[in-house]
PDB file of N, CA and C in Angstrom:
ATOM      1  N   UNK A   1       0.845  -1.177   0.000  1.00  0.00           N
ATOM      2  CA  UNK A   1       0.000   0.000   0.000  1.00  0.00           C
ATOM      3  C   UNK A   1       0.894   1.244   0.000  1.00  0.00           C
ATOM      4  N   UNK A   2       0.564   2.187  -0.842  1.00  0.00           N
ATOM      5  CA  UNK A   2       1.331   3.426  -0.959  1.00  0.00           C
ATOM      6  C   UNK A   2       0.722   4.518  -0.085  1.00  0.00           C
ATOM      7  N   UNK A   3       1.588   5.285   0.542  1.00  0.00           N
ATOM      8  CA  UNK A   3       1.158   6.412   1.362  1.00  0.00           C
ATOM      9  C   UNK A   3       1.762   7.694   0.815  1.00  0.00           C
ATOM     10  N   UNK A   4       1.113   8.789   1.088  1.00  0.00           N
ATOM     11  CA  UNK A   4       1.646  10.082   0.672  1.00  0.00           C
ATOM     12  C   UNK A   4       1.527  11.069   1.822  1.00  0.00           C
ATOM     13  N   UNK A   5       2.361  12.082   1.779  1.00  0.00           N
ATOM     14  CA  UNK A   5       2.298  13.179   2.738  1.00  0.00           C
ATOM     15  C   UNK A   5       1.470  14.295   2.153  1.00  0.00           C
ATOM     16  N   UNK A   6       0.629  14.890   2.956  1.00  0.00           N
ATOM     17  CA  UNK A   6      -0.225  15.984   2.510  1.00  0.00           C
ATOM     18  C   UNK A   6      -0.100  17.125   3.513  1.00  0.00           C
ATOM     19  N   UNK A   7       0.214  18.318   2.998  1.00  0.00           N
ATOM     20  CA  UNK A   7       0.214  19.514   3.834  1.00  0.00           C
ATOM     21  C   UNK A   7      -1.222  20.044   3.824  1.00  0.00           C
ATOM     22  N   UNK A   8      -1.963  19.786   4.888  1.00  0.00           N
ATOM     23  CA  UNK A   8      -3.371  20.161   4.915  1.00  0.00           C
ATOM     24  C   UNK A   8      -3.561  21.677   4.936  1.00  0.00           C
ATOM     25  N   UNK A   9      -2.506  22.412   5.227  1.00  0.00           N
ATOM     26  CA  UNK A   9      -2.609  23.871   5.211  1.00  0.00           C
ATOM     27  C   UNK A   9      -2.840  24.381   3.790  1.00  0.00           C
ATOM     28  N   UNK A  10      -2.378  23.646   2.788  1.00  0.00           N
ATOM     29  CA  UNK A  10      -2.594  24.078   1.402  1.00  0.00           C
ATOM     30  C   UNK A  10      -4.082  24.220   1.103  1.00  0.00           C
ATOM     31  N   UNK A  11      -4.855  23.216   1.468  1.00  0.00           N
ATOM     32  CA  UNK A  11      -6.295  23.266   1.217  1.00  0.00           C
ATOM     33  C   UNK A  11      -6.937  24.412   1.987  1.00  0.00           C
ATOM     34  N   UNK A  12      -6.539  24.577   3.242  1.00  0.00           N
ATOM     35  CA  UNK A  12      -7.108  25.662   4.058  1.00  0.00           C
ATOM     36  C   UNK A  12      -6.773  27.022   3.466  1.00  0.00           C
ATOM     37  N   UNK A  13      -5.537  27.186   2.999  1.00  0.00           N
ATOM     38  CA  UNK A  13      -5.121  28.462   2.416  1.00  0.00           C
ATOM     39  C   UNK A  13      -5.904  28.733   1.139  1.00  0.00           C
ATOM     40  N   UNK A  14      -6.013  27.755   0.261  1.00  0.00           N
ATOM     41  CA  UNK A  14      -6.739  27.981  -0.990  1.00  0.00           C
ATOM     42  C   UNK A  14      -8.217  28.271  -0.749  1.00  0.00           C
ATOM     43  N   UNK A  15      -8.823  27.599   0.231  1.00  0.00           N
ATOM     44  CA  UNK A  15     -10.228  27.907   0.542  1.00  0.00           C
ATOM     45  C   UNK A  15     -10.354  29.326   1.078  1.00  0.00           C
ATOM     46  N   UNK A  16      -9.437  29.725   1.938  1.00  0.00           N
ATOM     47  CA  UNK A  16      -9.478  31.086   2.497  1.00  0.00           C
ATOM     48  C   UNK A  16      -9.234  32.125   1.404  1.00  0.00           C
ATOM     49  N   UNK A  17      -8.336  31.834   0.482  1.00  0.00           N
ATOM     50  CA  UNK A  17      -8.076  32.753  -0.634  1.00  0.00           C
ATOM     51  C   UNK A  17      -9.336  32.931  -1.471  1.00  0.00           C
ATOM     52  N   UNK A  18      -9.991  31.839  -1.810  1.00  0.00           N
ATOM     53  CA  UNK A  18     -11.208  31.923  -2.621  1.00  0.00           C
ATOM     54  C   UNK A  18     -12.316  32.693  -1.910  1.00  0.00           C
ATOM     55  N   UNK A  19     -12.360  32.588  -0.586  1.00  0.00           N
ATOM     56  CA  UNK A  19     -13.390  33.284   0.191  1.00  0.00           C
ATOM     57  C   UNK A  19     -13.085  34.762   0.398  1.00  0.00           C
ATOM     58  N   UNK A  20     -11.807  35.133   0.484  1.00  0.00           N
ATOM     59  CA  UNK A  20     -11.466  36.495   0.913  1.00  0.00           C
ATOM     60  C   UNK A  20     -10.914  37.419  -0.164  1.00  0.00           C
ATOM     61  N   UNK A  21     -10.267  36.898  -1.199  1.00  0.00           N
ATOM     62  CA  UNK A  21      -9.662  37.803  -2.191  1.00  0.00           C
ATOM     63  C   UNK A  21     -10.658  38.769  -2.817  1.00  0.00           C
ATOM     64  N   UNK A  22     -11.842  38.332  -3.195  1.00  0.00           N
ATOM     65  CA  UNK A  22     -12.786  39.298  -3.778  1.00  0.00           C
ATOM     66  C   UNK A  22     -13.125  40.435  -2.803  1.00  0.00           C
ATOM     67  N   UNK A  23     -13.231  40.123  -1.520  1.00  0.00           N
ATOM     68  CA  UNK A  23     -13.548  41.135  -0.515  1.00  0.00           C
ATOM     69  C   UNK A  23     -12.395  42.113  -0.312  1.00  0.00           C
ATOM     70  N   UNK A  24     -11.172  41.665  -0.619  1.00  0.00           N
ATOM     71  CA  UNK A  24      -9.996  42.508  -0.429  1.00  0.00           C
ATOM     72  C   UNK A  24      -9.689  43.365  -1.649  1.00  0.00           C
ATOM     73  N   UNK A  25     -10.452  43.182  -2.711  1.00  0.00           N
ATOM     74  CA  UNK A  25     -10.233  43.962  -3.919  1.00  0.00           C
ATOM     75  C   UNK A  25      -9.024  43.511  -4.715  1.00  0.00           C
ATOM     76  N   UNK A  26      -8.542  42.322  -4.441  1.00  0.00           N
ATOM     77  CA  UNK A  26      -7.384  41.775  -5.159  1.00  0.00           C
ATOM     78  C   UNK A  26      -7.876  41.024  -6.390  1.00  0.00           C
ATOM     79  N   UNK A  27      -7.077  41.046  -7.426  1.00  0.00           N
ATOM     80  CA  UNK A  27      -7.384  40.284  -8.635  1.00  0.00           C
ATOM     81  C   UNK A  27      -7.552  38.815  -8.267  1.00  0.00           C
ATOM     82  N   UNK A  28      -8.510  38.149  -8.884  1.00  0.00           N
ATOM     83  CA  UNK A  28      -8.766  36.744  -8.572  1.00  0.00           C
ATOM     84  C   UNK A  28      -8.410  35.816  -9.732  1.00  0.00           C
ATOM     85  N   UNK A  29      -7.533  36.277 -10.612  1.00  0.00           N
ATOM     86  CA  UNK A  29      -7.087  35.394 -11.693  1.00  0.00           C
ATOM     87  C   UNK A  29      -6.223  34.281 -11.096  1.00  0.00           C
ATOM     88  N   UNK A  30      -6.014  33.223 -11.854  1.00  0.00           N
ATOM     89  CA  UNK A  30      -5.266  32.062 -11.357  1.00  0.00           C
ATOM     90  C   UNK A  30      -3.853  32.437 -10.921  1.00  0.00           C
ATOM     91  N   UNK A  31      -3.205  33.334 -11.658  1.00  0.00           N
ATOM     92  CA  UNK A  31      -1.831  33.722 -11.321  1.00  0.00           C
ATOM     93  C   UNK A  31      -1.781  34.477  -9.993  1.00  0.00           C
ATOM     94  N   UNK A  32      -2.683  35.418  -9.793  1.00  0.00           N
ATOM     95  CA  UNK A  32      -2.693  36.185  -8.549  1.00  0.00           C
ATOM     96  C   UNK A  32      -3.034  35.296  -7.360  1.00  0.00           C
ATOM     97  N   UNK A  33      -3.986  34.371  -7.541  1.00  0.00           N
ATOM     98  CA  UNK A  33      -4.304  33.428  -6.468  1.00  0.00           C
ATOM     99  C   UNK A  33      -3.083  32.577  -6.125  1.00  0.00           C
ATOM    100  N   UNK A  34      -2.379  32.119  -7.144  1.00  0.00           N
ATOM    101  CA  UNK A  34      -1.179  31.301  -6.908  1.00  0.00           C
ATOM    102  C   UNK A  34      -0.098  32.108  -6.203  1.00  0.00           C
ATOM    103  N   UNK A  35       0.071  33.371  -6.583  1.00  0.00           N
ATOM    104  CA  UNK A  35       1.064  34.218  -5.925  1.00  0.00           C
ATOM    105  C   UNK A  35       0.707  34.451  -4.459  1.00  0.00           C
ATOM    106  N   UNK A  36      -0.563  34.697  -4.177  1.00  0.00           N
ATOM    107  CA  UNK A  36      -1.013  34.886  -2.794  1.00  0.00           C
ATOM    108  C   UNK A  36      -0.813  33.586  -2.005  1.00  0.00           C
ATOM    109  N   UNK A  37      -1.121  32.456  -2.615  1.00  0.00           N
ATOM    110  CA  UNK A  37      -0.947  31.170  -1.945  1.00  0.00           C
ATOM    111  C   UNK A  37       0.526  30.897  -1.650  1.00  0.00           C
ATOM    112  N   UNK A  38       1.397  31.159  -2.617  1.00  0.00           N
ATOM    113  CA  UNK A  38       2.828  30.922  -2.411  1.00  0.00           C
ATOM    114  C   UNK A  38       3.362  31.788  -1.275  1.00  0.00           C
ATOM    115  N   UNK A  39       2.985  33.054  -1.265  1.00  0.00           N
ATOM    116  CA  UNK A  39       3.412  33.973  -0.211  1.00  0.00           C
ATOM    117  C   UNK A  39       2.921  33.465   1.149  1.00  0.00           C
ATOM    118  N   UNK A  40       1.650  33.103   1.206  1.00  0.00           N
ATOM    119  CA  UNK A  40       1.037  32.673   2.466  1.00  0.00           C
ATOM    120  C   UNK A  40       1.648  31.367   2.967  1.00  0.00           C
ATOM    121  N   UNK A  41       1.736  30.379   2.093  1.00  0.00           N
ATOM    122  CA  UNK A  41       2.260  29.076   2.507  1.00  0.00           C
ATOM    123  C   UNK A  41       3.732  29.141   2.907  1.00  0.00           C
ATOM    124  N   UNK A  42       4.445  30.115   2.390  1.00  0.00           N
ATOM    125  CA  UNK A  42       5.854  30.284   2.757  1.00  0.00           C
ATOM    126  C   UNK A  42       6.005  30.894   4.143  1.00  0.00           C
ATOM    127  N   UNK A  43       4.935  31.441   4.690  1.00  0.00           N
ATOM    128  CA  UNK A  43       5.023  32.161   5.954  1.00  0.00           C
ATOM    129  C   UNK A  43       4.252  31.526   7.110  1.00  0.00           C
ATOM    130  N   UNK A  44       3.517  30.476   6.828  1.00  0.00           N
ATOM    131  CA  UNK A  44       2.804  29.797   7.920  1.00  0.00           C
ATOM    132  C   UNK A  44       3.425  28.416   8.134  1.00  0.00           C
ATOM    133  N   UNK A  45       3.180  27.881   9.296  1.00  0.00           N
ATOM    134  CA  UNK A  45       3.715  26.574   9.634  1.00  0.00           C
ATOM    135  C   UNK A  45       2.929  25.488   8.895  1.00  0.00           C
ATOM    136  N   UNK A  46       3.628  24.585   8.208  1.00  0.00           N
ATOM    137  CA  UNK A  46       2.921  23.494   7.538  1.00  0.00           C
ATOM    138  C   UNK A  46       2.371  22.498   8.559  1.00  0.00           C
ATOM    139  N   UNK A  47       1.388  21.749   8.140  1.00  0.00           N
ATOM    140  CA  UNK A  47       0.814  20.701   8.990  1.00  0.00           C
ATOM    141  C   UNK A  47       0.609  19.476   8.096  1.00  0.00           C
ATOM    142  N   UNK A  48       1.542  18.532   8.198  1.00  0.00           N
ATOM    143  CA  UNK A  48       1.510  17.351   7.340  1.00  0.00           C
ATOM    144  C   UNK A  48       0.791  16.192   8.013  1.00  0.00           C
ATOM    145  N   UNK A  49       0.060  15.442   7.190  1.00  0.00           N
ATOM    146  CA  UNK A  49      -0.560  14.193   7.612  1.00  0.00           C
ATOM    147  C   UNK A  49      -0.215  13.140   6.569  1.00  0.00           C
ATOM    148  N   UNK A  50      -0.304  11.886   6.963  1.00  0.00           N
ATOM    149  CA  UNK A  50      -0.110  10.809   6.002  1.00  0.00           C
ATOM    150  C   UNK A  50      -1.464  10.239   5.636  1.00  0.00           C
ATOM    151  N   UNK A  51      -1.572   9.835   4.391  1.00  0.00           N
ATOM    152  CA  UNK A  51      -2.815   9.239   3.913  1.00  0.00           C
ATOM    153  C   UNK A  51      -2.471   8.226   2.826  1.00  0.00           C
ATOM    154  N   UNK A  52      -3.342   7.285   2.629  1.00  0.00           N
ATOM    155  CA  UNK A  52      -3.138   6.339   1.523  1.00  0.00           C
ATOM    156  C   UNK A  52      -3.375   7.058   0.212  1.00  0.00           C
ATOM    157  N   UNK A  53      -2.712   6.584  -0.820  1.00  0.00           N
ATOM    158  CA  UNK A  53      -2.833   7.198  -2.151  1.00  0.00           C
ATOM    159  C   UNK A  53      -4.276   7.294  -2.613  1.00  0.00           C
ATOM    160  N   UNK A  54      -5.087   6.302  -2.304  1.00  0.00           N
ATOM    161  CA  UNK A  54      -6.462   6.247  -2.791  1.00  0.00           C
ATOM    162  C   UNK A  54      -7.462   6.854  -1.814  1.00  0.00           C
ATOM    163  N   UNK A  55      -6.982   7.565  -0.799  1.00  0.00           N
ATOM    164  CA  UNK A  55      -7.856   8.046   0.262  1.00  0.00           C
ATOM    165  C   UNK A  55      -7.763   9.566   0.383  1.00  0.00           C
ATOM    166  N   UNK A  56      -8.896  10.206   0.568  1.00  0.00           N
ATOM    167  CA  UNK A  56      -8.900  11.637   0.815  1.00  0.00           C
ATOM    168  C   UNK A  56      -8.589  11.900   2.276  1.00  0.00           C
ATOM    169  N   UNK A  57      -7.962  13.031   2.534  1.00  0.00           N
ATOM    170  CA  UNK A  57      -7.678  13.399   3.913  1.00  0.00           C
ATOM    171  C   UNK A  57      -8.983  13.823   4.567  1.00  0.00           C
ATOM    172  N   UNK A  58      -9.261  13.267   5.716  1.00  0.00           N
ATOM    173  CA  UNK A  58     -10.478  13.608   6.437  1.00  0.00           C
ATOM    174  C   UNK A  58     -10.403  15.044   6.937  1.00  0.00           C
ATOM    175  N   UNK A  59     -11.423  15.816   6.654  1.00  0.00           N
ATOM    176  CA  UNK A  59     -11.439  17.203   7.103  1.00  0.00           C
ATOM    177  C   UNK A  59     -11.432  17.304   8.621  1.00  0.00           C
ATOM    178  N   UNK A  60     -11.917  16.293   9.291  1.00  0.00           N
ATOM    179  CA  UNK A  60     -11.926  16.349  10.756  1.00  0.00           C
ATOM    180  C   UNK A  60     -10.516  16.297  11.324  1.00  0.00           C
ATOM    181  N   UNK A  61      -9.548  15.846  10.532  1.00  0.00           N
ATOM    182  CA  UNK A  61      -8.178  15.781  11.004  1.00  0.00           C
ATOM    183  C   UNK A  61      -7.546  17.157  11.140  1.00  0.00           C
ATOM    184  N   UNK A  62      -8.102  18.139  10.466  1.00  0.00           N
ATOM    185  CA  UNK A  62      -7.456  19.452  10.494  1.00  0.00           C
ATOM    186  C   UNK A  62      -8.439  20.607  10.566  1.00  0.00           C
ATOM    187  N   UNK A  63      -9.588  20.394  11.139  1.00  0.00           N
ATOM    188  CA  UNK A  63     -10.583  21.449  11.214  1.00  0.00           C
ATOM    189  C   UNK A  63     -10.384  22.381  12.409  1.00  0.00           C
ATOM    190  N   UNK A  64      -9.333  22.175  13.174  1.00  0.00           N
ATOM    191  CA  UNK A  64      -9.037  23.054  14.303  1.00  0.00           C
ATOM    192  C   UNK A  64      -8.842  24.466  13.776  1.00  0.00           C
ATOM    193  N   UNK A  65      -9.524  25.433  14.376  1.00  0.00           N
ATOM    194  CA  UNK A  65      -9.502  26.802  13.880  1.00  0.00           C
ATOM    195  C   UNK A  65      -8.331  27.639  14.330  1.00  0.00           C
ATOM    196  N   UNK A  66      -7.363  27.046  15.010  1.00  0.00           N
ATOM    197  CA  UNK A  66      -6.271  27.841  15.556  1.00  0.00           C
ATOM    198  C   UNK A  66      -5.458  28.561  14.488  1.00  0.00           C
ATOM    199  N   UNK A  67      -5.439  28.043  13.279  1.00  0.00           N
ATOM    200  CA  UNK A  67      -4.632  28.642  12.226  1.00  0.00           C
ATOM    201  C   UNK A  67      -5.375  29.692  11.413  1.00  0.00           C
ATOM    202  N   UNK A  68      -6.703  29.747  11.533  1.00  0.00           N
ATOM    203  CA  UNK A  68      -7.501  30.622  10.683  1.00  0.00           C
ATOM    204  C   UNK A  68      -7.106  32.088  10.772  1.00  0.00           C
ATOM    205  N   UNK A  69      -6.906  32.588  11.965  1.00  0.00           N
ATOM    206  CA  UNK A  69      -6.555  34.000  12.128  1.00  0.00           C
ATOM    207  C   UNK A  69      -5.207  34.289  11.491  1.00  0.00           C
ATOM    208  N   UNK A  70      -4.243  33.423  11.747  1.00  0.00           N
ATOM    209  CA  UNK A  70      -2.912  33.615  11.154  1.00  0.00           C
ATOM    210  C   UNK A  70      -2.982  33.560   9.633  1.00  0.00           C
ATOM    211  N   UNK A  71      -3.708  32.599   9.104  1.00  0.00           N
ATOM    212  CA  UNK A  71      -3.835  32.471   7.651  1.00  0.00           C
ATOM    213  C   UNK A  71      -4.435  33.741   7.066  1.00  0.00           C
ATOM    214  N   UNK A  72      -5.507  34.231   7.650  1.00  0.00           N
ATOM    215  CA  UNK A  72      -6.166  35.428   7.126  1.00  0.00           C
ATOM    216  C   UNK A  72      -5.249  36.650   7.206  1.00  0.00           C
ATOM    217  N   UNK A  73      -4.494  36.786   8.285  1.00  0.00           N
ATOM    218  CA  UNK A  73      -3.577  37.916   8.401  1.00  0.00           C
ATOM    219  C   UNK A  73      -2.522  37.886   7.293  1.00  0.00           C
ATOM    220  N   UNK A  74      -1.984  36.715   7.021  1.00  0.00           N
ATOM    221  CA  UNK A  74      -0.957  36.600   5.990  1.00  0.00           C
ATOM    222  C   UNK A  74      -1.563  36.779   4.600  1.00  0.00           C
ATOM    223  N   UNK A  75      -2.774  36.296   4.390  1.00  0.00           N
ATOM    224  CA  UNK A  75      -3.441  36.500   3.097  1.00  0.00           C
ATOM    225  C   UNK A  75      -3.662  37.979   2.840  1.00  0.00           C
ATOM    226  N   UNK A  76      -4.037  38.730   3.850  1.00  0.00           N
ATOM    227  CA  UNK A  76      -4.222  40.179   3.681  1.00  0.00           C
ATOM    228  C   UNK A  76      -2.903  40.830   3.259  1.00  0.00           C
ATOM    229  N   UNK A  77      -1.803  40.459   3.912  1.00  0.00           N
ATOM    230  CA  UNK A  77      -0.490  40.984   3.534  1.00  0.00           C
ATOM    231  C   UNK A  77      -0.156  40.613   2.088  1.00  0.00           C
ATOM    232  N   UNK A  78      -0.402  39.359   1.751  1.00  0.00           N
ATOM    233  CA  UNK A  78      -0.101  38.877   0.405  1.00  0.00           C
ATOM    234  C   UNK A  78      -0.946  39.595  -0.643  1.00  0.00           C
ATOM    235  N   UNK A  79      -2.221  39.787  -0.352  1.00  0.00           N
ATOM    236  CA  UNK A  79      -3.109  40.469  -1.300  1.00  0.00           C
ATOM    237  C   UNK A  79      -2.661  41.900  -1.537  1.00  0.00           C
ATOM    238  N   UNK A  80      -2.224  42.576  -0.484  1.00  0.00           N
ATOM    239  CA  UNK A  80      -1.719  43.946  -0.644  1.00  0.00           C
ATOM    240  C   UNK A  80      -0.479  43.966  -1.532  1.00  0.00           C
ATOM    241  N   UNK A  81       0.426  43.028  -1.291  1.00  0.00           N
ATOM    242  CA  UNK A  81       1.651  42.964  -2.088  1.00  0.00           C
ATOM    243  C   UNK A  81       1.355  42.617  -3.546  1.00  0.00           C
ATOM    244  N   UNK A  82       0.533  41.606  -3.756  1.00  0.00           N
ATOM    245  CA  UNK A  82       0.208  41.176  -5.127  1.00  0.00           C
ATOM    246  C   UNK A  82      -0.561  42.265  -5.857  1.00  0.00           C
ATOM    247  N   UNK A  83      -1.455  42.938  -5.166  1.00  0.00           N
ATOM    248  CA  UNK A  83      -2.214  44.018  -5.803  1.00  0.00           C
ATOM    249  C   UNK A  83      -1.312  45.188  -6.194  1.00  0.00           C
ATOM    250  N   UNK A  84      -0.297  45.444  -5.404  1.00  0.00           N
ATOM    251  CA  UNK A  84       0.590  46.568  -5.699  1.00  0.00           C
ATOM    252  C   UNK A  84       1.552  46.249  -6.837  1.00  0.00           C
ATOM    253  N   UNK A  85       1.846  44.968  -7.032  1.00  0.00           N
ATOM    254  CA  UNK A  85       2.767  44.543  -8.099  1.00  0.00           C
ATOM    255  C   UNK A  85       2.275  43.251  -8.732  1.00  0.00           C
ATOM    256  N   UNK A  86       1.153  43.327  -9.466  1.00  0.00           N
ATOM    257  CA  UNK A  86       0.634  42.084 -10.073  1.00  0.00           C
ATOM    258  C   UNK A  86       1.624  41.511 -11.074  1.00  0.00           C
ATOM    259  N   UNK A  87       1.629  40.202 -11.168  1.00  0.00           N
ATOM    260  CA  UNK A  87       2.584  39.492 -12.008  1.00  0.00           C
ATOM    261  C   UNK A  87       1.859  38.826 -13.174  1.00  0.00           C
ATOM    262  N   UNK A  88       0.945  39.585 -13.793  1.00  0.00           N
ATOM    263  CA  UNK A  88       0.175  39.018 -14.906  1.00  0.00           C
ATOM    264  C   UNK A  88       1.061  38.810 -16.116  1.00  0.00           C
ATOM    265  N   UNK A  89       0.749  37.736 -16.851  1.00  0.00           N
ATOM    266  CA  UNK A  89       1.499  37.439 -18.094  1.00  0.00           C
ATOM    267  C   UNK A  89       1.022  38.319 -19.221  1.00  0.00           C
TER     268      UNK A  89
END
């Protein structure tokens, strides 16, 4: 059986980005979302879990809200930076 490592913070960050970028007035194109995600994920602590290749990570494993405030604070910083210097192709 094959196992993989999953940083569950990635999913949380992308969900938070999709929920908050429009409210922040930041561009919501794929490139800007990716730039905000890269900035955010580089500044928060990762949280890895192991899962089987054929299995989804249970949301109950990482639904603790302790990271939400930190994630949102960093997303706001990232959105300001990306908005001031968008990297559109």
